[in-house]
N, C-alpha and C. Protein backbone atom coordinates (compact mmCIF):
# COMPACT_ATOMS: atom_id res chain seq x y z
N MET A 1 -21.02 -6.30 38.49
CA MET A 1 -21.87 -7.13 37.63
C MET A 1 -21.89 -6.59 36.20
N ASN A 2 -22.01 -7.51 35.27
CA ASN A 2 -22.04 -7.11 33.87
C ASN A 2 -23.48 -6.77 33.48
N ALA A 3 -23.69 -5.54 33.02
CA ALA A 3 -25.03 -5.11 32.63
C ALA A 3 -25.49 -5.78 31.35
N PHE A 4 -24.52 -6.29 30.56
CA PHE A 4 -24.86 -6.96 29.30
C PHE A 4 -24.47 -8.43 29.42
N PRO A 5 -25.42 -9.30 29.73
CA PRO A 5 -25.08 -10.72 29.89
C PRO A 5 -24.64 -11.33 28.57
N VAL A 6 -23.64 -12.17 28.65
CA VAL A 6 -23.10 -12.79 27.44
C VAL A 6 -23.98 -13.95 27.02
N ASN A 7 -24.42 -13.91 25.80
CA ASN A 7 -25.24 -14.99 25.25
C ASN A 7 -24.35 -15.84 24.36
N THR A 8 -24.29 -17.12 24.64
CA THR A 8 -23.41 -17.99 23.86
C THR A 8 -23.95 -18.22 22.46
N GLN A 9 -25.22 -17.90 22.21
CA GLN A 9 -25.80 -18.08 20.88
C GLN A 9 -25.43 -16.93 19.95
N ASN A 10 -24.72 -15.91 20.45
CA ASN A 10 -24.31 -14.80 19.60
C ASN A 10 -23.17 -15.18 18.67
N SER A 11 -22.70 -16.42 18.74
CA SER A 11 -21.65 -16.86 17.83
C SER A 11 -22.15 -16.93 16.39
N LYS A 12 -23.47 -16.85 16.19
CA LYS A 12 -24.01 -16.82 14.83
C LYS A 12 -23.60 -15.54 14.10
N LEU A 13 -23.29 -14.48 14.85
CA LEU A 13 -22.91 -13.23 14.22
C LEU A 13 -21.50 -13.28 13.65
N LYS A 14 -20.75 -14.32 13.98
CA LYS A 14 -19.36 -14.40 13.53
C LYS A 14 -19.23 -15.04 12.15
N THR A 15 -20.32 -15.32 11.49
CA THR A 15 -20.23 -15.88 10.15
C THR A 15 -19.73 -14.80 9.19
N PRO A 16 -18.67 -15.06 8.46
CA PRO A 16 -18.00 -14.00 7.69
C PRO A 16 -18.72 -13.63 6.40
N TYR A 17 -18.57 -12.38 6.05
CA TYR A 17 -18.91 -11.85 4.72
C TYR A 17 -20.36 -12.09 4.33
N GLN A 18 -21.28 -11.59 5.14
CA GLN A 18 -22.68 -11.63 4.75
C GLN A 18 -23.13 -10.23 4.35
N PHE A 19 -22.48 -9.66 3.36
CA PHE A 19 -22.86 -8.34 2.89
C PHE A 19 -24.06 -8.47 1.97
N PRO A 20 -25.06 -7.59 2.11
CA PRO A 20 -26.29 -7.74 1.33
C PRO A 20 -26.15 -7.33 -0.13
N ILE A 21 -25.14 -6.54 -0.45
CA ILE A 21 -24.99 -6.01 -1.81
C ILE A 21 -23.83 -6.72 -2.52
N PRO A 22 -24.09 -7.47 -3.58
CA PRO A 22 -23.01 -8.09 -4.33
C PRO A 22 -22.26 -7.05 -5.16
N ASN A 23 -21.10 -7.42 -5.65
CA ASN A 23 -20.26 -6.48 -6.38
C ASN A 23 -20.88 -6.04 -7.70
N SER A 24 -21.79 -6.84 -8.23
CA SER A 24 -22.37 -6.51 -9.53
C SER A 24 -23.38 -5.37 -9.43
N GLN A 25 -23.77 -4.98 -8.20
CA GLN A 25 -24.78 -3.94 -8.06
C GLN A 25 -24.18 -2.57 -7.75
N PHE A 26 -22.87 -2.45 -7.73
CA PHE A 26 -22.29 -1.13 -7.50
C PHE A 26 -22.51 -0.25 -8.73
N PRO A 27 -22.83 1.02 -8.54
CA PRO A 27 -23.24 1.86 -9.67
C PRO A 27 -22.09 2.22 -10.62
N ILE A 28 -20.87 2.20 -10.13
CA ILE A 28 -19.74 2.61 -10.97
C ILE A 28 -18.94 1.38 -11.37
N PRO A 29 -18.92 1.03 -12.64
CA PRO A 29 -18.08 -0.09 -13.09
C PRO A 29 -16.60 0.29 -13.07
N ASN A 30 -15.77 -0.73 -13.08
CA ASN A 30 -14.33 -0.49 -12.99
C ASN A 30 -13.78 0.21 -14.22
N SER A 31 -14.52 0.17 -15.32
CA SER A 31 -14.02 0.77 -16.55
C SER A 31 -14.04 2.30 -16.49
N GLN A 32 -14.75 2.88 -15.50
CA GLN A 32 -14.82 4.33 -15.41
C GLN A 32 -13.71 4.91 -14.55
N PHE A 33 -12.96 4.07 -13.85
CA PHE A 33 -11.93 4.60 -12.97
C PHE A 33 -10.75 5.22 -13.71
N PRO A 34 -10.33 4.71 -14.87
CA PRO A 34 -9.23 5.40 -15.57
C PRO A 34 -9.59 6.81 -16.02
N THR A 35 -10.86 7.03 -16.38
CA THR A 35 -11.26 8.38 -16.80
C THR A 35 -11.27 9.32 -15.60
N ILE A 36 -11.66 8.81 -14.45
CA ILE A 36 -11.64 9.64 -13.24
C ILE A 36 -10.19 9.97 -12.87
N ASN A 37 -9.30 9.01 -12.97
CA ASN A 37 -7.90 9.26 -12.67
C ASN A 37 -7.29 10.23 -13.67
N TYR A 38 -7.73 10.14 -14.93
CA TYR A 38 -7.22 11.05 -15.95
C TYR A 38 -7.69 12.47 -15.70
N GLN A 39 -8.95 12.64 -15.29
CA GLN A 39 -9.46 13.97 -15.00
C GLN A 39 -8.76 14.57 -13.79
N LEU A 40 -8.48 13.77 -12.79
CA LEU A 40 -7.78 14.27 -11.62
C LEU A 40 -6.34 14.66 -11.97
N SER A 41 -5.72 13.91 -12.86
CA SER A 41 -4.35 14.22 -13.23
C SER A 41 -4.29 15.50 -14.06
N THR A 42 -5.29 15.72 -14.92
CA THR A 42 -5.30 16.95 -15.72
C THR A 42 -5.59 18.16 -14.85
N ILE A 43 -6.44 17.98 -13.84
CA ILE A 43 -6.70 19.09 -12.91
C ILE A 43 -5.44 19.41 -12.11
N ASN A 44 -4.71 18.38 -11.71
CA ASN A 44 -3.49 18.60 -10.95
C ASN A 44 -2.43 19.29 -11.81
N ASP A 45 -2.36 18.93 -13.08
CA ASP A 45 -1.38 19.56 -13.98
C ASP A 45 -1.80 21.00 -14.31
N ARG A 46 -3.09 21.23 -14.34
CA ARG A 46 -3.58 22.56 -14.70
C ARG A 46 -3.33 23.56 -13.56
N HIS A 47 -3.56 23.12 -12.34
CA HIS A 47 -3.39 24.02 -11.19
C HIS A 47 -1.99 23.94 -10.60
N GLN A 48 -1.28 22.91 -10.96
CA GLN A 48 0.10 22.69 -10.50
C GLN A 48 0.20 22.77 -8.97
N PHE A 49 -0.40 21.79 -8.34
CA PHE A 49 -0.33 21.72 -6.87
C PHE A 49 1.07 21.32 -6.45
């Protein structure tokens, strides 16, 4: 016997992309990523991995 009975009303959970946080609320804007990549590249050049 199945200990977890299947409920046919659980199809409501299949609605796609209901994330509570929109993209505009992320703390890091895309304009800061080149500076992060630049700092990582200078660290890599400095330590020469």
